[in-house]
């Protein structure tokens, strides 16, 4: 599977997509317009190892709900990720069995190298 989960209204996602310039073989999924399904989330967890790895602790709702002061389980992360798109660390780039999560320079550089393979 070659897919990029992103948020079309996110300037960081736009910048990264422009930089990556993904080939037409990649499917783009705007997670606000087309939220993650439970099946998609399970597949992402399989590639990443944990739901927590996919979870953004920078999300506004994370702060608003004071989640940093709660002990969250993997099931909690799963429920929150399915509940609201902002909890997904973006973008998530899937290239076969490789996954790149988030917008750190290192992650984006690794994704870019993987896309050009």
PDB file of N, CA and C in Angstrom:
ATOM      1  N   UNK A   1       0.843  -1.184   0.000  1.00  0.00           N
ATOM      2  CA  UNK A   1       0.000   0.000   0.000  1.00  0.00           C
ATOM      3  C   UNK A   1       0.885   1.243   0.000  1.00  0.00           C
ATOM      4  N   UNK A   2       0.496   2.203  -0.797  1.00  0.00           N
ATOM      5  CA  UNK A   2       1.192   3.482  -0.851  1.00  0.00           C
ATOM      6  C   UNK A   2       0.156   4.557  -0.581  1.00  0.00           C
ATOM      7  N   UNK A   3       0.233   5.134   0.629  1.00  0.00           N
ATOM      8  CA  UNK A   3      -0.824   6.044   1.039  1.00  0.00           C
ATOM      9  C   UNK A   3      -0.258   7.123   1.953  1.00  0.00           C
ATOM     10  N   UNK A   4      -0.873   8.302   1.866  1.00  0.00           N
ATOM     11  CA  UNK A   4      -0.488   9.397   2.753  1.00  0.00           C
ATOM     12  C   UNK A   4      -1.757   9.921   3.412  1.00  0.00           C
ATOM     13  N   UNK A   5      -1.771   9.835   4.742  1.00  0.00           N
ATOM     14  CA  UNK A   5      -2.868  10.381   5.535  1.00  0.00           C
ATOM     15  C   UNK A   5      -2.447  11.788   5.939  1.00  0.00           C
ATOM     16  N   UNK A   6      -3.261  12.765   5.612  1.00  0.00           N
ATOM     17  CA  UNK A   6      -2.894  14.149   5.884  1.00  0.00           C
ATOM     18  C   UNK A   6      -4.143  14.961   6.194  1.00  0.00           C
ATOM     19  N   UNK A   7      -3.934  16.222   6.496  1.00  0.00           N
ATOM     20  CA  UNK A   7      -5.029  17.153   6.747  1.00  0.00           C
ATOM     21  C   UNK A   7      -4.855  18.297   5.758  1.00  0.00           C
ATOM     22  N   UNK A   8      -5.809  18.463   4.858  1.00  0.00           N
ATOM     23  CA  UNK A   8      -5.666  19.447   3.776  1.00  0.00           C
ATOM     24  C   UNK A   8      -5.636  20.884   4.292  1.00  0.00           C
ATOM     25  N   UNK A   9      -6.143  21.114   5.497  1.00  0.00           N
ATOM     26  CA  UNK A   9      -6.146  22.469   6.049  1.00  0.00           C
ATOM     27  C   UNK A   9      -4.898  22.768   6.879  1.00  0.00           C
ATOM     28  N   UNK A  10      -4.006  21.801   6.996  1.00  0.00           N
ATOM     29  CA  UNK A  10      -2.802  21.954   7.818  1.00  0.00           C
ATOM     30  C   UNK A  10      -1.649  22.463   6.951  1.00  0.00           C
ATOM     31  N   UNK A  11      -1.132  23.636   7.296  1.00  0.00           N
ATOM     32  CA  UNK A  11      -0.031  24.219   6.518  1.00  0.00           C
ATOM     33  C   UNK A  11       1.211  23.337   6.532  1.00  0.00           C
ATOM     34  N   UNK A  12       1.488  22.698   7.654  1.00  0.00           N
ATOM     35  CA  UNK A  12       2.658  21.817   7.744  1.00  0.00           C
ATOM     36  C   UNK A  12       2.498  20.631   6.794  1.00  0.00           C
ATOM     37  N   UNK A  13       1.307  20.041   6.763  1.00  0.00           N
ATOM     38  CA  UNK A  13       1.054  18.919   5.846  1.00  0.00           C
ATOM     39  C   UNK A  13       1.210  19.383   4.395  1.00  0.00           C
ATOM     40  N   UNK A  14       0.677  20.562   4.086  1.00  0.00           N
ATOM     41  CA  UNK A  14       0.789  21.091   2.722  1.00  0.00           C
ATOM     42  C   UNK A  14       2.249  21.252   2.333  1.00  0.00           C
ATOM     43  N   UNK A  15       3.037  21.818   3.235  1.00  0.00           N
ATOM     44  CA  UNK A  15       4.459  22.050   2.973  1.00  0.00           C
ATOM     45  C   UNK A  15       5.191  20.721   2.735  1.00  0.00           C
ATOM     46  N   UNK A  16       4.902  19.742   3.584  1.00  0.00           N
ATOM     47  CA  UNK A  16       5.561  18.429   3.469  1.00  0.00           C
ATOM     48  C   UNK A  16       5.145  17.732   2.173  1.00  0.00           C
ATOM     49  N   UNK A  17       3.861  17.782   1.826  1.00  0.00           N
ATOM     50  CA  UNK A  17       3.396  17.157   0.582  1.00  0.00           C
ATOM     51  C   UNK A  17       4.065  17.796  -0.627  1.00  0.00           C
ATOM     52  N   UNK A  18       4.219  19.113  -0.571  1.00  0.00           N
ATOM     53  CA  UNK A  18       4.882  19.819  -1.677  1.00  0.00           C
ATOM     54  C   UNK A  18       6.341  19.369  -1.788  1.00  0.00           C
ATOM     55  N   UNK A  19       6.994  19.252  -0.632  1.00  0.00           N
ATOM     56  CA  UNK A  19       8.396  18.819  -0.594  1.00  0.00           C
ATOM     57  C   UNK A  19       8.550  17.371  -1.085  1.00  0.00           C
ATOM     58  N   UNK A  20       7.644  16.506  -0.652  1.00  0.00           N
ATOM     59  CA  UNK A  20       7.725  15.091  -1.028  1.00  0.00           C
ATOM     60  C   UNK A  20       7.350  14.863  -2.493  1.00  0.00           C
ATOM     61  N   UNK A  21       6.385  15.658  -2.969  1.00  0.00           N
ATOM     62  CA  UNK A  21       5.886  15.507  -4.333  1.00  0.00           C
ATOM     63  C   UNK A  21       5.638  14.026  -4.650  1.00  0.00           C
ATOM     64  N   UNK A  22       4.701  13.404  -3.915  1.00  0.00           N
ATOM     65  CA  UNK A  22       4.496  11.951  -4.059  1.00  0.00           C
ATOM     66  C   UNK A  22       4.057  11.568  -5.470  1.00  0.00           C
ATOM     67  N   UNK A  23       4.568  10.426  -5.955  1.00  0.00           N
ATOM     68  CA  UNK A  23       4.163   9.927  -7.274  1.00  0.00           C
ATOM     69  C   UNK A  23       2.656   9.655  -7.309  1.00  0.00           C
ATOM     70  N   UNK A  24       2.095   9.603  -8.490  1.00  0.00           N
ATOM     71  CA  UNK A  24       0.649   9.387  -8.628  1.00  0.00           C
ATOM     72  C   UNK A  24       0.210   8.015  -8.110  1.00  0.00           C
ATOM     73  N   UNK A  25       1.169   7.129  -7.873  1.00  0.00           N
ATOM     74  CA  UNK A  25       0.821   5.810  -7.332  1.00  0.00           C
ATOM     75  C   UNK A  25       0.402   5.890  -5.855  1.00  0.00           C
ATOM     76  N   UNK A  26       0.626   7.050  -5.226  1.00  0.00           N
ATOM     77  CA  UNK A  26       0.251   7.239  -3.823  1.00  0.00           C
ATOM     78  C   UNK A  26      -1.164   7.779  -3.722  1.00  0.00           C
ATOM     79  N   UNK A  27      -1.931   7.176  -2.819  1.00  0.00           N
ATOM     80  CA  UNK A  27      -3.281   7.649  -2.550  1.00  0.00           C
ATOM     81  C   UNK A  27      -3.201   8.648  -1.398  1.00  0.00           C
ATOM     82  N   UNK A  28      -3.834   9.802  -1.567  1.00  0.00           N
ATOM     83  CA  UNK A  28      -3.875  10.801  -0.499  1.00  0.00           C
ATOM     84  C   UNK A  28      -5.242  10.727   0.171  1.00  0.00           C
ATOM     85  N   UNK A  29      -5.230  10.700   1.501  1.00  0.00           N
ATOM     86  CA  UNK A  29      -6.494  10.673   2.242  1.00  0.00           C
ATOM     87  C   UNK A  29      -6.521  11.835   3.215  1.00  0.00           C
ATOM     88  N   UNK A  30      -7.440  12.767   2.973  1.00  0.00           N
ATOM     89  CA  UNK A  30      -7.646  13.886   3.887  1.00  0.00           C
ATOM     90  C   UNK A  30      -8.463  13.349   5.065  1.00  0.00           C
ATOM     91  N   UNK A  31      -7.831  13.292   6.240  1.00  0.00           N
ATOM     92  CA  UNK A  31      -8.472  12.631   7.389  1.00  0.00           C
ATOM     93  C   UNK A  31      -9.644  13.415   7.977  1.00  0.00           C
ATOM     94  N   UNK A  32      -9.782  14.690   7.586  1.00  0.00           N
ATOM     95  CA  UNK A  32     -10.954  15.443   8.050  1.00  0.00           C
ATOM     96  C   UNK A  32     -12.160  15.082   7.182  1.00  0.00           C
ATOM     97  N   UNK A  33     -11.935  15.003   5.887  1.00  0.00           N
ATOM     98  CA  UNK A  33     -13.002  14.676   4.948  1.00  0.00           C
ATOM     99  C   UNK A  33     -13.342  13.185   4.975  1.00  0.00           C
ATOM    100  N   UNK A  34     -12.305  12.353   5.096  1.00  0.00           N
ATOM    101  CA  UNK A  34     -12.473  10.897   5.129  1.00  0.00           C
ATOM    102  C   UNK A  34     -11.754  10.356   6.358  1.00  0.00           C
ATOM    103  N   UNK A  35     -12.433  10.357   7.518  1.00  0.00           N
ATOM    104  CA  UNK A  35     -11.788   9.908   8.764  1.00  0.00           C
ATOM    105  C   UNK A  35     -11.266   8.476   8.659  1.00  0.00           C
ATOM    106  N   UNK A  36     -10.270   8.198   9.496  1.00  0.00           N
ATOM    107  CA  UNK A  36      -9.708   6.844   9.558  1.00  0.00           C
ATOM    108  C   UNK A  36     -10.788   5.847   9.931  1.00  0.00           C
ATOM    109  N   UNK A  37     -10.765   4.709   9.285  1.00  0.00           N
ATOM    110  CA  UNK A  37     -11.658   3.627   9.676  1.00  0.00           C
ATOM    111  C   UNK A  37     -10.915   2.784  10.716  1.00  0.00           C
ATOM    112  N   UNK A  38     -11.650   1.965  11.416  1.00  0.00           N
ATOM    113  CA  UNK A  38     -11.021   1.098  12.419  1.00  0.00           C
ATOM    114  C   UNK A  38     -10.022   0.158  11.736  1.00  0.00           C
ATOM    115  N   UNK A  39     -10.368  -0.314  10.537  1.00  0.00           N
ATOM    116  CA  UNK A  39      -9.488  -1.210   9.785  1.00  0.00           C
ATOM    117  C   UNK A  39      -8.184  -0.498   9.406  1.00  0.00           C
ATOM    118  N   UNK A  40      -8.290   0.735   8.929  1.00  0.00           N
ATOM    119  CA  UNK A  40      -7.093   1.505   8.569  1.00  0.00           C
ATOM    120  C   UNK A  40      -6.221   1.740   9.792  1.00  0.00           C
ATOM    121  N   UNK A  41      -6.859   2.067  10.907  1.00  0.00           N
ATOM    122  CA  UNK A  41      -6.112   2.323  12.131  1.00  0.00           C
ATOM    123  C   UNK A  41      -5.383   1.058  12.600  1.00  0.00           C
ATOM    124  N   UNK A  42      -6.036  -0.093  12.489  1.00  0.00           N
ATOM    125  CA  UNK A  42      -5.388  -1.365  12.864  1.00  0.00           C
ATOM    126  C   UNK A  42      -4.156  -1.611  11.996  1.00  0.00           C
ATOM    127  N   UNK A  43      -4.277  -1.314  10.701  1.00  0.00           N
ATOM    128  CA  UNK A  43      -3.152  -1.510   9.793  1.00  0.00           C
ATOM    129  C   UNK A  43      -1.995  -0.559  10.161  1.00  0.00           C
ATOM    130  N   UNK A  44      -2.324   0.681  10.467  1.00  0.00           N
ATOM    131  CA  UNK A  44      -1.288   1.644  10.864  1.00  0.00           C
ATOM    132  C   UNK A  44      -0.618   1.213  12.163  1.00  0.00           C
ATOM    133  N   UNK A  45      -1.416   0.670  13.086  1.00  0.00           N
ATOM    134  CA  UNK A  45      -0.853   0.187  14.352  1.00  0.00           C
ATOM    135  C   UNK A  45       0.076  -0.999  14.095  1.00  0.00           C
ATOM    136  N   UNK A  46      -0.322  -1.864  13.185  1.00  0.00           N
ATOM    137  CA  UNK A  46       0.506  -3.022  12.837  1.00  0.00           C
ATOM    138  C   UNK A  46       1.881  -2.553  12.332  1.00  0.00           C
ATOM    139  N   UNK A  47       1.893  -1.519  11.507  1.00  0.00           N
ATOM    140  CA  UNK A  47       3.145  -0.999  10.949  1.00  0.00           C
ATOM    141  C   UNK A  47       3.958  -0.207  11.969  1.00  0.00           C
ATOM    142  N   UNK A  48       3.272   0.534  12.828  1.00  0.00           N
ATOM    143  CA  UNK A  48       3.977   1.405  13.773  1.00  0.00           C
ATOM    144  C   UNK A  48       4.304   0.730  15.108  1.00  0.00           C
ATOM    145  N   UNK A  49       3.564  -0.329  15.449  1.00  0.00           N
ATOM    146  CA  UNK A  49       3.812  -1.033  16.703  1.00  0.00           C
ATOM    147  C   UNK A  49       2.845  -0.689  17.810  1.00  0.00           C
ATOM    148  N   UNK A  50       2.450   0.584  17.894  1.00  0.00           N
ATOM    149  CA  UNK A  50       1.519   0.993  18.952  1.00  0.00           C
ATOM    150  C   UNK A  50       0.589   2.093  18.442  1.00  0.00           C
ATOM    151  N   UNK A  51      -0.551   2.219  19.107  1.00  0.00           N
ATOM    152  CA  UNK A  51      -1.446   3.341  18.811  1.00  0.00           C
ATOM    153  C   UNK A  51      -0.817   4.644  19.319  1.00  0.00           C
ATOM    154  N   UNK A  52      -0.073   4.538  20.410  1.00  0.00           N
ATOM    155  CA  UNK A  52       0.550   5.737  20.984  1.00  0.00           C
ATOM    156  C   UNK A  52       1.516   6.389  19.992  1.00  0.00           C
ATOM    157  N   UNK A  53       2.208   5.580  19.186  1.00  0.00           N
ATOM    158  CA  UNK A  53       3.151   6.115  18.197  1.00  0.00           C
ATOM    159  C   UNK A  53       2.431   6.972  17.152  1.00  0.00           C
ATOM    160  N   UNK A  54       1.156   6.715  16.938  1.00  0.00           N
ATOM    161  CA  UNK A  54       0.360   7.455  15.954  1.00  0.00           C
ATOM    162  C   UNK A  54      -0.330   8.670  16.561  1.00  0.00           C
ATOM    163  N   UNK A  55      -0.250   8.799  17.872  1.00  0.00           N
ATOM    164  CA  UNK A  55      -1.035   9.782  18.612  1.00  0.00           C
ATOM    165  C   UNK A  55      -0.279  11.100  18.781  1.00  0.00           C
ATOM    166  N   UNK A  56      -0.954  12.195  18.474  1.00  0.00           N
ATOM    167  CA  UNK A  56      -0.352  13.519  18.625  1.00  0.00           C
ATOM    168  C   UNK A  56      -0.689  14.105  19.991  1.00  0.00           C
ATOM    169  N   UNK A  57       0.351  14.319  20.770  1.00  0.00           N
ATOM    170  CA  UNK A  57       0.151  14.936  22.083  1.00  0.00           C
ATOM    171  C   UNK A  57       0.191  16.458  21.980  1.00  0.00           C
ATOM    172  N   UNK A  58       0.274  16.969  20.749  1.00  0.00           N
ATOM    173  CA  UNK A  58       0.233  18.410  20.514  1.00  0.00           C
ATOM    174  C   UNK A  58      -1.170  18.887  20.154  1.00  0.00           C
ATOM    175  N   UNK A  59      -2.085  17.956  19.953  1.00  0.00           N
ATOM    176  CA  UNK A  59      -3.450  18.302  19.549  1.00  0.00           C
ATOM    177  C   UNK A  59      -4.109  19.198  20.593  1.00  0.00           C
ATOM    178  N   UNK A  60      -4.857  20.169  20.104  1.00  0.00           N
ATOM    179  CA  UNK A  60      -5.545  21.113  20.990  1.00  0.00           C
ATOM    180  C   UNK A  60      -6.458  20.355  21.972  1.00  0.00           C
ATOM    181  N   UNK A  61      -7.167  19.342  21.469  1.00  0.00           N
ATOM    182  CA  UNK A  61      -8.072  18.569  22.333  1.00  0.00           C
ATOM    183  C   UNK A  61      -7.319  17.825  23.435  1.00  0.00           C
ATOM    184  N   UNK A  62      -6.078  17.451  23.161  1.00  0.00           N
ATOM    185  CA  UNK A  62      -5.250  16.771  24.165  1.00  0.00           C
ATOM    186  C   UNK A  62      -5.074  17.679  25.374  1.00  0.00           C
ATOM    187  N   UNK A  63      -4.796  18.945  25.089  1.00  0.00           N
ATOM    188  CA  UNK A  63      -4.617  19.929  26.170  1.00  0.00           C
ATOM    189  C   UNK A  63      -5.953  20.270  26.821  1.00  0.00           C
ATOM    190  N   UNK A  64      -6.978  20.498  25.995  1.00  0.00           N
ATOM    191  CA  UNK A  64      -8.295  20.879  26.512  1.00  0.00           C
ATOM    192  C   UNK A  64      -8.882  19.824  27.447  1.00  0.00           C
ATOM    193  N   UNK A  65      -8.657  18.576  27.130  1.00  0.00           N
ATOM    194  CA  UNK A  65      -9.202  17.481  27.953  1.00  0.00           C
ATOM    195  C   UNK A  65      -8.252  17.072  29.077  1.00  0.00           C
ATOM    196  N   UNK A  66      -7.134  17.774  29.179  1.00  0.00           N
ATOM    197  CA  UNK A  66      -6.130  17.508  30.218  1.00  0.00           C
ATOM    198  C   UNK A  66      -5.685  16.039  30.208  1.00  0.00           C
ATOM    199  N   UNK A  67      -5.484  15.510  29.012  1.00  0.00           N
ATOM    200  CA  UNK A  67      -5.136  14.097  28.878  1.00  0.00           C
ATOM    201  C   UNK A  67      -3.719  13.790  29.362  1.00  0.00           C
ATOM    202  N   UNK A  68      -2.851  14.808  29.410  1.00  0.00           N
ATOM    203  CA  UNK A  68      -1.479  14.545  29.856  1.00  0.00           C
ATOM    204  C   UNK A  68      -1.433  14.117  31.321  1.00  0.00           C
ATOM    205  N   UNK A  69      -2.464  14.451  32.064  1.00  0.00           N
ATOM    206  CA  UNK A  69      -2.527  14.071  33.476  1.00  0.00           C
ATOM    207  C   UNK A  69      -3.319  12.782  33.696  1.00  0.00           C
ATOM    208  N   UNK A  70      -3.621  12.087  32.610  1.00  0.00           N
ATOM    209  CA  UNK A  70      -4.335  10.811  32.711  1.00  0.00           C
ATOM    210  C   UNK A  70      -3.425   9.699  32.228  1.00  0.00           C
ATOM    211  N   UNK A  71      -3.587   8.536  32.784  1.00  0.00           N
ATOM    212  CA  UNK A  71      -2.830   7.354  32.370  1.00  0.00           C
ATOM    213  C   UNK A  71      -3.592   6.699  31.225  1.00  0.00           C
ATOM    214  N   UNK A  72      -3.136   6.916  29.995  1.00  0.00           N
ATOM    215  CA  UNK A  72      -3.846   6.389  28.834  1.00  0.00           C
ATOM    216  C   UNK A  72      -3.310   5.012  28.435  1.00  0.00           C
ATOM    217  N   UNK A  73      -4.227   4.109  28.147  1.00  0.00           N
ATOM    218  CA  UNK A  73      -3.856   2.758  27.695  1.00  0.00           C
ATOM    219  C   UNK A  73      -3.855   2.745  26.171  1.00  0.00           C
ATOM    220  N   UNK A  74      -3.379   1.666  25.588  1.00  0.00           N
ATOM    221  CA  UNK A  74      -3.407   1.523  24.127  1.00  0.00           C
ATOM    222  C   UNK A  74      -4.852   1.614  23.620  1.00  0.00           C
ATOM    223  N   UNK A  75      -5.782   1.032  24.362  1.00  0.00           N
ATOM    224  CA  UNK A  75      -7.197   1.086  23.973  1.00  0.00           C
ATOM    225  C   UNK A  75      -7.698   2.529  24.000  1.00  0.00           C
ATOM    226  N   UNK A  76      -7.260   3.318  25.000  1.00  0.00           N
ATOM    227  CA  UNK A  76      -7.640   4.736  25.071  1.00  0.00           C
ATOM    228  C   UNK A  76      -7.141   5.478  23.839  1.00  0.00           C
ATOM    229  N   UNK A  77      -5.880   5.227  23.468  1.00  0.00           N
ATOM    230  CA  UNK A  77      -5.317   5.884  22.286  1.00  0.00           C
ATOM    231  C   UNK A  77      -6.125   5.514  21.041  1.00  0.00           C
ATOM    232  N   UNK A  78      -6.477   4.239  20.921  1.00  0.00           N
ATOM    233  CA  UNK A  78      -7.250   3.771  19.765  1.00  0.00           C
ATOM    234  C   UNK A  78      -8.592   4.500  19.693  1.00  0.00           C
ATOM    235  N   UNK A  79      -9.287   4.559  20.809  1.00  0.00           N
ATOM    236  CA  UNK A  79     -10.604   5.202  20.865  1.00  0.00           C
ATOM    237  C   UNK A  79     -10.492   6.680  20.493  1.00  0.00           C
ATOM    238  N   UNK A  80      -9.490   7.353  21.053  1.00  0.00           N
ATOM    239  CA  UNK A  80      -9.308   8.779  20.767  1.00  0.00           C
ATOM    240  C   UNK A  80      -8.959   9.016  19.304  1.00  0.00           C
ATOM    241  N   UNK A  81      -8.104   8.168  18.732  1.00  0.00           N
ATOM    242  CA  UNK A  81      -7.730   8.304  17.320  1.00  0.00           C
ATOM    243  C   UNK A  81      -8.946   8.134  16.404  1.00  0.00           C
ATOM    244  N   UNK A  82      -9.825   7.219  16.754  1.00  0.00           N
ATOM    245  CA  UNK A  82     -11.030   7.010  15.956  1.00  0.00           C
ATOM    246  C   UNK A  82     -12.064   8.114  16.194  1.00  0.00           C
ATOM    247  N   UNK A  83     -12.021   8.704  17.374  1.00  0.00           N
ATOM    248  CA  UNK A  83     -12.996   9.715  17.757  1.00  0.00           C
ATOM    249  C   UNK A  83     -12.783  11.043  17.018  1.00  0.00           C
ATOM    250  N   UNK A  84     -11.525  11.471  16.890  1.00  0.00           N
ATOM    251  CA  UNK A  84     -11.280  12.788  16.298  1.00  0.00           C
ATOM    252  C   UNK A  84      -9.975  12.811  15.514  1.00  0.00           C
ATOM    253  N   UNK A  85     -10.051  13.326  14.307  1.00  0.00           N
ATOM    254  CA  UNK A  85      -8.898  13.315  13.395  1.00  0.00           C
ATOM    255  C   UNK A  85      -7.680  14.076  13.919  1.00  0.00           C
ATOM    256  N   UNK A  86      -7.886  15.074  14.778  1.00  0.00           N
ATOM    257  CA  UNK A  86      -6.742  15.872  15.231  1.00  0.00           C
ATOM    258  C   UNK A  86      -5.788  15.084  16.126  1.00  0.00           C
ATOM    259  N   UNK A  87      -6.223  13.932  16.614  1.00  0.00           N
ATOM    260  CA  UNK A  87      -5.339  13.132  17.467  1.00  0.00           C
ATOM    261  C   UNK A  87      -4.297  12.346  16.664  1.00  0.00           C
ATOM    262  N   UNK A  88      -4.448  12.286  15.345  1.00  0.00           N
ATOM    263  CA  UNK A  88      -3.461  11.573  14.524  1.00  0.00           C
ATOM    264  C   UNK A  88      -2.263  12.475  14.265  1.00  0.00           C
ATOM    265  N   UNK A  89      -1.085  11.966  14.574  1.00  0.00           N
ATOM    266  CA  UNK A  89       0.154  12.681  14.283  1.00  0.00           C
ATOM    267  C   UNK A  89       0.291  12.712  12.767  1.00  0.00           C
ATOM    268  N   UNK A  90       0.445  13.907  12.195  1.00  0.00           N
ATOM    269  CA  UNK A  90       0.397  14.034  10.740  1.00  0.00           C
ATOM    270  C   UNK A  90       1.687  14.591  10.169  1.00  0.00           C
ATOM    271  N   UNK A  91       1.921  14.266   8.894  1.00  0.00           N
ATOM    272  CA  UNK A  91       1.240  13.273   8.073  1.00  0.00           C
ATOM    273  C   UNK A  91       1.711  11.865   8.418  1.00  0.00           C
ATOM    274  N   UNK A  92       0.947  10.880   7.981  1.00  0.00           N
ATOM    275  CA  UNK A  92       1.358   9.473   8.099  1.00  0.00           C
ATOM    276  C   UNK A  92       1.547   8.973   6.673  1.00  0.00           C
ATOM    277  N   UNK A  93       2.768   8.540   6.380  1.00  0.00           N
ATOM    278  CA  UNK A  93       3.115   8.094   5.038  1.00  0.00           C
ATOM    279  C   UNK A  93       3.403   6.598   5.086  1.00  0.00           C
ATOM    280  N   UNK A  94       2.672   5.852   4.273  1.00  0.00           N
ATOM    281  CA  UNK A  94       2.843   4.397   4.220  1.00  0.00           C
ATOM    282  C   UNK A  94       3.383   4.038   2.841  1.00  0.00           C
ATOM    283  N   UNK A  95       4.534   3.386   2.842  1.00  0.00           N
ATOM    284  CA  UNK A  95       5.145   2.916   1.600  1.00  0.00           C
ATOM    285  C   UNK A  95       5.395   1.423   1.774  1.00  0.00           C
ATOM    286  N   UNK A  96       4.427   0.618   1.347  1.00  0.00           N
ATOM    287  CA  UNK A  96       4.537  -0.826   1.537  1.00  0.00           C
ATOM    288  C   UNK A  96       4.497  -1.171   3.016  1.00  0.00           C
ATOM    289  N   UNK A  97       5.598  -1.741   3.519  1.00  0.00           N
ATOM    290  CA  UNK A  97       5.668  -2.116   4.934  1.00  0.00           C
ATOM    291  C   UNK A  97       6.378  -1.054   5.773  1.00  0.00           C
ATOM    292  N   UNK A  98       6.714   0.077   5.169  1.00  0.00           N
ATOM    293  CA  UNK A  98       7.380   1.166   5.895  1.00  0.00           C
ATOM    294  C   UNK A  98       6.360   2.236   6.240  1.00  0.00           C
ATOM    295  N   UNK A  99       6.520   2.801   7.442  1.00  0.00           N
ATOM    296  CA  UNK A  99       5.617   3.872   7.872  1.00  0.00           C
ATOM    297  C   UNK A  99       6.447   5.026   8.411  1.00  0.00           C
ATOM    298  N   UNK A 100       6.010   6.232   8.082  1.00  0.00           N
ATOM    299  CA  UNK A 100       6.675   7.447   8.547  1.00  0.00           C
ATOM    300  C   UNK A 100       5.597   8.311   9.185  1.00  0.00           C
ATOM    301  N   UNK A 101       5.812   8.674  10.446  1.00  0.00           N
ATOM    302  CA  UNK A 101       4.765   9.343  11.222  1.00  0.00           C
ATOM    303  C   UNK A 101       5.250  10.702  11.697  1.00  0.00           C
ATOM    304  N   UNK A 102       4.476  11.725  11.381  1.00  0.00           N
ATOM    305  CA  UNK A 102       4.777  13.051  11.902  1.00  0.00           C
ATOM    306  C   UNK A 102       5.602  13.904  10.970  1.00  0.00           C
ATOM    307  N   UNK A 103       5.989  15.072  11.503  1.00  0.00           N
ATOM    308  CA  UNK A 103       6.616  16.068  10.658  1.00  0.00           C
ATOM    309  C   UNK A 103       8.036  16.447  11.073  1.00  0.00           C
ATOM    310  N   UNK A 104       8.699  15.593  11.846  1.00  0.00           N
ATOM    311  CA  UNK A 104      10.085  15.909  12.215  1.00  0.00           C
ATOM    312  C   UNK A 104      10.944  15.864  10.955  1.00  0.00           C
ATOM    313  N   UNK A 105      11.997  16.664  10.931  1.00  0.00           N
ATOM    314  CA  UNK A 105      12.892  16.719   9.765  1.00  0.00           C
ATOM    315  C   UNK A 105      13.414  15.325   9.413  1.00  0.00           C
ATOM    316  N   UNK A 106      13.783  14.567  10.445  1.00  0.00           N
ATOM    317  CA  UNK A 106      14.326  13.215  10.250  1.00  0.00           C
ATOM    318  C   UNK A 106      13.297  12.299   9.584  1.00  0.00           C
ATOM    319  N   UNK A 107      12.069  12.358  10.057  1.00  0.00           N
ATOM    320  CA  UNK A 107      10.991  11.505   9.528  1.00  0.00           C
ATOM    321  C   UNK A 107      10.654  11.885   8.080  1.00  0.00           C
ATOM    322  N   UNK A 108      10.591  13.188   7.812  1.00  0.00           N
ATOM    323  CA  UNK A 108      10.288  13.662   6.458  1.00  0.00           C
ATOM    324  C   UNK A 108      11.410  13.275   5.495  1.00  0.00           C
ATOM    325  N   UNK A 109      12.647  13.409   5.926  1.00  0.00           N
ATOM    326  CA  UNK A 109      13.795  13.047   5.087  1.00  0.00           C
ATOM    327  C   UNK A 109      13.773  11.547   4.779  1.00  0.00           C
ATOM    328  N   UNK A 110      13.469  10.726   5.779  1.00  0.00           N
ATOM    329  CA  UNK A 110      13.389   9.275   5.584  1.00  0.00           C
ATOM    330  C   UNK A 110      12.255   8.921   4.625  1.00  0.00           C
ATOM    331  N   UNK A 111      11.119   9.609   4.761  1.00  0.00           N
ATOM    332  CA  UNK A 111       9.972   9.364   3.870  1.00  0.00           C
ATOM    333  C   UNK A 111      10.337   9.758   2.440  1.00  0.00           C
ATOM    334  N   UNK A 112      11.006  10.884   2.299  1.00  0.00           N
ATOM    335  CA  UNK A 112      11.396  11.367   0.963  1.00  0.00           C
ATOM    336  C   UNK A 112      12.336  10.352   0.293  1.00  0.00           C
ATOM    337  N   UNK A 113      13.297   9.844   1.056  1.00  0.00           N
ATOM    338  CA  UNK A 113      14.225   8.841   0.526  1.00  0.00           C
ATOM    339  C   UNK A 113      13.461   7.575   0.119  1.00  0.00           C
ATOM    340  N   UNK A 114      12.486   7.177   0.920  1.00  0.00           N
ATOM    341  CA  UNK A 114      11.714   5.978   0.656  1.00  0.00           C
ATOM    342  C   UNK A 114      10.843   6.152  -0.604  1.00  0.00           C
ATOM    343  N   UNK A 115      10.288   7.331  -0.794  1.00  0.00           N
ATOM    344  CA  UNK A 115       9.437   7.593  -1.953  1.00  0.00           C
ATOM    345  C   UNK A 115      10.228   7.521  -3.260  1.00  0.00           C
ATOM    346  N   UNK A 116      11.511   7.841  -3.193  1.00  0.00           N
ATOM    347  CA  UNK A 116      12.304   7.871  -4.418  1.00  0.00           C
ATOM    348  C   UNK A 116      12.963   6.522  -4.722  1.00  0.00           C
ATOM    349  N   UNK A 117      12.719   5.516  -3.877  1.00  0.00           N
ATOM    350  CA  UNK A 117      13.302   4.177  -4.103  1.00  0.00           C
ATOM    351  C   UNK A 117      12.648   3.483  -5.287  1.00  0.00           C
TER     352      UNK A 117
END
